[in-house]
C-alpha cells in the first residue's frame, strides 16, 4: 500500500512538471525620491525581476513601478500609481499585466481609483465622495481567438 502511494506521488510530480515557466529571481530594487521645498514631491520604487538563467527561448522580465506623488504644501498623498509590465513569452499573454491609479483630494481621502488588468481586458473604475464609495464601473472584454 505504501509502495503504491509513493508511485502515485512520483507520477503526479512527473506529469505536473511539464508546463514549467521560467524560473525567476529578483534582480534589483531602485528607489528614486524628488524633493521640493524640503518635502518629498515624488517617490518612485522600481523592482525588476528577470529569468534565473539567460535562455533566449525562455526569457522573462517583469517590472513593477510604484509611484507616489505628494502635495508640496500639506505633504498628503495626491496620486499613487502601480504599473506591472512584462517582456517575454512566459506568464500572461499581455505586455501591461496590471495598472492601478488612485487620486486623492487635499485632505488625503480617495477621490477616484482606476484598475485594469492584462491590457485593459478587465477595467474597474471607482469614484469616491468624502472618502466613501459612490460609483463603481466594471468592464470586461473577451480575448480574440486567432485561428
C-alpha atoms as a PDB file:
ATOM      1  CA  UNK A   1       0.000   0.000   0.000  1.00  0.00           C
ATOM      2  CA  UNK A   2       2.777   2.403   0.920  1.00  0.00           C
ATOM      3  CA  UNK A   3       4.639   1.451  -2.265  1.00  0.00           C
ATOM      4  CA  UNK A   4       1.592   2.291  -4.424  1.00  0.00           C
ATOM      5  CA  UNK A   5       1.216   5.681  -2.743  1.00  0.00           C
ATOM      6  CA  UNK A   6       4.852   6.538  -3.448  1.00  0.00           C
ATOM      7  CA  UNK A   7       4.443   5.638  -7.127  1.00  0.00           C
ATOM      8  CA  UNK A   8       1.309   7.805  -7.398  1.00  0.00           C
ATOM      9  CA  UNK A   9       3.070  10.785  -5.818  1.00  0.00           C
ATOM     10  CA  UNK A  10       6.074  10.325  -8.084  1.00  0.00           C
ATOM     11  CA  UNK A  11       3.843  10.180 -11.191  1.00  0.00           C
ATOM     12  CA  UNK A  12       1.954  13.276 -10.053  1.00  0.00           C
ATOM     13  CA  UNK A  13       5.161  15.289  -9.773  1.00  0.00           C
ATOM     14  CA  UNK A  14       6.435  13.927 -13.074  1.00  0.00           C
ATOM     15  CA  UNK A  15       3.313  14.958 -15.019  1.00  0.00           C
ATOM     16  CA  UNK A  16       2.774  18.264 -13.235  1.00  0.00           C
ATOM     17  CA  UNK A  17       6.291  19.490 -14.093  1.00  0.00           C
ATOM     18  CA  UNK A  18       5.534  19.525 -17.836  1.00  0.00           C
ATOM     19  CA  UNK A  19       4.417  23.174 -18.103  1.00  0.00           C
ATOM     20  CA  UNK A  20       7.054  24.868 -16.004  1.00  0.00           C
ATOM     21  CA  UNK A  21       7.539  28.597 -16.640  1.00  0.00           C
ATOM     22  CA  UNK A  22      10.858  30.400 -16.482  1.00  0.00           C
ATOM     23  CA  UNK A  23      12.418  30.373 -13.038  1.00  0.00           C
ATOM     24  CA  UNK A  24      12.760  33.936 -11.829  1.00  0.00           C
ATOM     25  CA  UNK A  25      14.995  35.738  -9.437  1.00  0.00           C
ATOM     26  CA  UNK A  26      14.735  39.257  -8.122  1.00  0.00           C
ATOM     27  CA  UNK A  27      17.336  41.414  -9.820  1.00  0.00           C
ATOM     28  CA  UNK A  28      17.163  44.792  -8.144  1.00  0.00           C
ATOM     29  CA  UNK A  29      15.044  47.429  -6.465  1.00  0.00           C
ATOM     30  CA  UNK A  30      15.623  51.108  -7.213  1.00  0.00           C
ATOM     31  CA  UNK A  31      14.156  53.932  -5.121  1.00  0.00           C
ATOM     32  CA  UNK A  32      14.126  57.474  -6.538  1.00  0.00           C
ATOM     33  CA  UNK A  33      12.966  60.458  -4.487  1.00  0.00           C
ATOM     34  CA  UNK A  34      12.328  64.003  -5.706  1.00  0.00           C
ATOM     35  CA  UNK A  35      12.072  66.883  -3.232  1.00  0.00           C
ATOM     36  CA  UNK A  36      10.634  70.385  -3.435  1.00  0.00           C
ATOM     37  CA  UNK A  37      10.816  72.890  -0.548  1.00  0.00           C
ATOM     38  CA  UNK A  38      12.465  70.257   1.640  1.00  0.00           C
ATOM     39  CA  UNK A  39       9.473  67.873   1.379  1.00  0.00           C
ATOM     40  CA  UNK A  40       9.177  64.820  -0.882  1.00  0.00           C
ATOM     41  CA  UNK A  41       7.175  65.547  -4.028  1.00  0.00           C
ATOM     42  CA  UNK A  42       7.559  62.165  -5.757  1.00  0.00           C
ATOM     43  CA  UNK A  43       8.808  58.747  -4.664  1.00  0.00           C
ATOM     44  CA  UNK A  44       9.290  56.042  -7.287  1.00  0.00           C
ATOM     45  CA  UNK A  45      10.148  52.425  -6.496  1.00  0.00           C
ATOM     46  CA  UNK A  46      11.179  50.204  -9.437  1.00  0.00           C
ATOM     47  CA  UNK A  47      11.516  46.464  -8.892  1.00  0.00           C
ATOM     48  CA  UNK A  48      12.844  44.323 -11.751  1.00  0.00           C
ATOM     49  CA  UNK A  49      12.536  40.536 -11.775  1.00  0.00           C
ATOM     50  CA  UNK A  50      14.057  38.533 -14.606  1.00  0.00           C
ATOM     51  CA  UNK A  51      14.851  34.976 -15.635  1.00  0.00           C
ATOM     52  CA  UNK A  52      17.222  32.989 -13.482  1.00  0.00           C
ATOM     53  CA  UNK A  53      19.031  31.550 -16.493  1.00  0.00           C
ATOM     54  CA  UNK A  54      19.831  33.538 -19.643  1.00  0.00           C
ATOM     55  CA  UNK A  55      17.930  31.328 -22.072  1.00  0.00           C
ATOM     56  CA  UNK A  56      16.781  33.352 -25.136  1.00  0.00           C
ATOM     57  CA  UNK A  57      13.876  30.998 -25.854  1.00  0.00           C
ATOM     58  CA  UNK A  58      12.524  31.235 -22.296  1.00  0.00           C
ATOM     59  CA  UNK A  59      13.275  34.873 -21.359  1.00  0.00           C
ATOM     60  CA  UNK A  60      11.073  36.658 -18.815  1.00  0.00           C
ATOM     61  CA  UNK A  61      11.415  40.139 -17.327  1.00  0.00           C
ATOM     62  CA  UNK A  62       8.822  41.658 -15.015  1.00  0.00           C
ATOM     63  CA  UNK A  63       8.952  45.308 -13.944  1.00  0.00           C
ATOM     64  CA  UNK A  64       6.863  46.791 -11.132  1.00  0.00           C
ATOM     65  CA  UNK A  65       6.871  50.588 -10.838  1.00  0.00           C
ATOM     66  CA  UNK A  66       5.162  52.161  -7.814  1.00  0.00           C
ATOM     67  CA  UNK A  67       4.976  55.973  -7.944  1.00  0.00           C
ATOM     68  CA  UNK A  68       3.626  58.169  -5.159  1.00  0.00           C
ATOM     69  CA  UNK A  69       3.064  61.915  -5.629  1.00  0.00           C
ATOM     70  CA  UNK A  70       2.832  64.254  -2.625  1.00  0.00           C
ATOM     71  CA  UNK A  71       1.337  67.726  -2.182  1.00  0.00           C
ATOM     72  CA  UNK A  72       4.147  70.262  -1.699  1.00  0.00           C
ATOM     73  CA  UNK A  73       2.236  72.301   0.912  1.00  0.00           C
ATOM     74  CA  UNK A  74       0.414  69.793   3.126  1.00  0.00           C
ATOM     75  CA  UNK A  75       2.552  66.714   2.447  1.00  0.00           C
ATOM     76  CA  UNK A  76      -0.504  64.498   1.805  1.00  0.00           C
ATOM     77  CA  UNK A  77      -0.510  61.906  -0.971  1.00  0.00           C
ATOM     78  CA  UNK A  78      -2.219  63.284  -4.106  1.00  0.00           C
ATOM     79  CA  UNK A  79      -1.738  60.373  -6.516  1.00  0.00           C
ATOM     80  CA  UNK A  80      -0.447  56.824  -6.370  1.00  0.00           C
ATOM     81  CA  UNK A  81       0.176  54.561  -9.365  1.00  0.00           C
ATOM     82  CA  UNK A  82       1.235  50.924  -9.649  1.00  0.00           C
ATOM     83  CA  UNK A  83       2.277  49.562 -13.049  1.00  0.00           C
ATOM     84  CA  UNK A  84       3.383  45.980 -13.709  1.00  0.00           C
ATOM     85  CA  UNK A  85       4.712  45.136 -17.175  1.00  0.00           C
ATOM     86  CA  UNK A  86       6.456  42.088 -18.592  1.00  0.00           C
ATOM     87  CA  UNK A  87       8.640  41.087 -21.508  1.00  0.00           C
ATOM     88  CA  UNK A  88       8.945  37.522 -22.734  1.00  0.00           C
ATOM     89  CA  UNK A  89       6.787  34.539 -23.592  1.00  0.00           C
ATOM     90  CA  UNK A  90       6.340  33.185 -20.089  1.00  0.00           C
ATOM     91  CA  UNK A  91       3.427  34.348 -17.912  1.00  0.00           C
ATOM     92  CA  UNK A  92       0.195  36.039 -19.033  1.00  0.00           C
ATOM     93  CA  UNK A  93      -0.219  36.880 -22.746  1.00  0.00           C
ATOM     94  CA  UNK A  94      -0.071  40.685 -22.406  1.00  0.00           C
ATOM     95  CA  UNK A  95       2.531  43.437 -22.004  1.00  0.00           C
ATOM     96  CA  UNK A  96       0.827  45.538 -19.320  1.00  0.00           C
ATOM     97  CA  UNK A  97      -0.225  42.999 -16.703  1.00  0.00           C
ATOM     98  CA  UNK A  98      -1.626  45.389 -14.090  1.00  0.00           C
ATOM     99  CA  UNK A  99      -2.200  49.131 -13.721  1.00  0.00           C
ATOM    100  CA  UNK A 100      -3.751  50.906 -10.761  1.00  0.00           C
ATOM    101  CA  UNK A 101      -4.099  54.654 -10.320  1.00  0.00           C
ATOM    102  CA  UNK A 102      -5.572  56.269  -7.218  1.00  0.00           C
ATOM    103  CA  UNK A 103      -6.277  60.013  -6.891  1.00  0.00           C
ATOM    104  CA  UNK A 104      -6.626  61.741  -3.512  1.00  0.00           C
ATOM    105  CA  UNK A 105      -8.005  65.144  -2.514  1.00  0.00           C
ATOM    106  CA  UNK A 106      -6.205  67.830  -0.473  1.00  0.00           C
ATOM    107  CA  UNK A 107      -7.115  66.125   2.831  1.00  0.00           C
ATOM    108  CA  UNK A 108      -5.734  62.751   1.713  1.00  0.00           C
ATOM    109  CA  UNK A 109      -9.079  60.995   1.057  1.00  0.00           C
ATOM    110  CA  UNK A 110      -9.691  58.903  -2.060  1.00  0.00           C
ATOM    111  CA  UNK A 111     -11.446  60.589  -4.976  1.00  0.00           C
ATOM    112  CA  UNK A 112     -11.031  58.081  -7.812  1.00  0.00           C
ATOM    113  CA  UNK A 113      -9.460  54.678  -8.351  1.00  0.00           C
ATOM    114  CA  UNK A 114      -8.859  53.050 -11.746  1.00  0.00           C
ATOM    115  CA  UNK A 115      -7.629  49.489 -12.078  1.00  0.00           C
ATOM    116  CA  UNK A 116      -7.019  47.482 -15.226  1.00  0.00           C
ATOM    117  CA  UNK A 117      -5.628  44.027 -15.871  1.00  0.00           C
ATOM    118  CA  UNK A 118      -3.969  42.430 -18.879  1.00  0.00           C
ATOM    119  CA  UNK A 119      -4.021  45.244 -21.456  1.00  0.00           C
ATOM    120  CA  UNK A 120      -7.431  46.553 -20.359  1.00  0.00           C
ATOM    121  CA  UNK A 121      -9.254  43.231 -20.644  1.00  0.00           C
ATOM    122  CA  UNK A 122     -10.684  43.922 -17.214  1.00  0.00           C
ATOM    123  CA  UNK A 123     -11.264  47.542 -16.141  1.00  0.00           C
ATOM    124  CA  UNK A 124     -12.613  48.792 -12.795  1.00  0.00           C
ATOM    125  CA  UNK A 125     -13.406  52.432 -12.017  1.00  0.00           C
ATOM    126  CA  UNK A 126     -14.425  53.509  -8.516  1.00  0.00           C
ATOM    127  CA  UNK A 127     -15.379  57.051  -7.567  1.00  0.00           C
ATOM    128  CA  UNK A 128     -15.482  58.342  -4.011  1.00  0.00           C
ATOM    129  CA  UNK A 129     -17.091  61.343  -2.331  1.00  0.00           C
ATOM    130  CA  UNK A 130     -15.712  62.362   1.086  1.00  0.00           C
ATOM    131  CA  UNK A 131     -13.824  59.075   1.213  1.00  0.00           C
ATOM    132  CA  UNK A 132     -16.964  56.945   0.675  1.00  0.00           C
ATOM    133  CA  UNK A 133     -17.646  54.851  -2.404  1.00  0.00           C
ATOM    134  CA  UNK A 134     -20.417  56.299  -4.619  1.00  0.00           C
ATOM    135  CA  UNK A 135     -19.921  54.732  -8.071  1.00  0.00           C
ATOM    136  CA  UNK A 136     -18.439  51.506  -9.469  1.00  0.00           C
ATOM    137  CA  UNK A 137     -17.945  50.656 -13.147  1.00  0.00           C
ATOM    138  CA  UNK A 138     -16.659  47.225 -14.215  1.00  0.00           C
ATOM    139  CA  UNK A 139     -15.914  46.383 -17.846  1.00  0.00           C
ATOM    140  CA  UNK A 140     -14.716  43.062 -19.204  1.00  0.00           C
ATOM    141  CA  UNK A 141     -13.551  42.319 -22.711  1.00  0.00           C
ATOM    142  CA  UNK A 142     -13.143  38.874 -24.172  1.00  0.00           C
ATOM    143  CA  UNK A 143      -9.962  37.749 -25.837  1.00  0.00           C
ATOM    144  CA  UNK A 144      -9.936  37.498 -29.585  1.00  0.00           C
ATOM    145  CA  UNK A 145      -9.029  33.960 -30.651  1.00  0.00           C
ATOM    146  CA  UNK A 146      -6.839  33.847 -33.745  1.00  0.00           C
ATOM    147  CA  UNK A 147      -7.183  30.631 -35.739  1.00  0.00           C
END
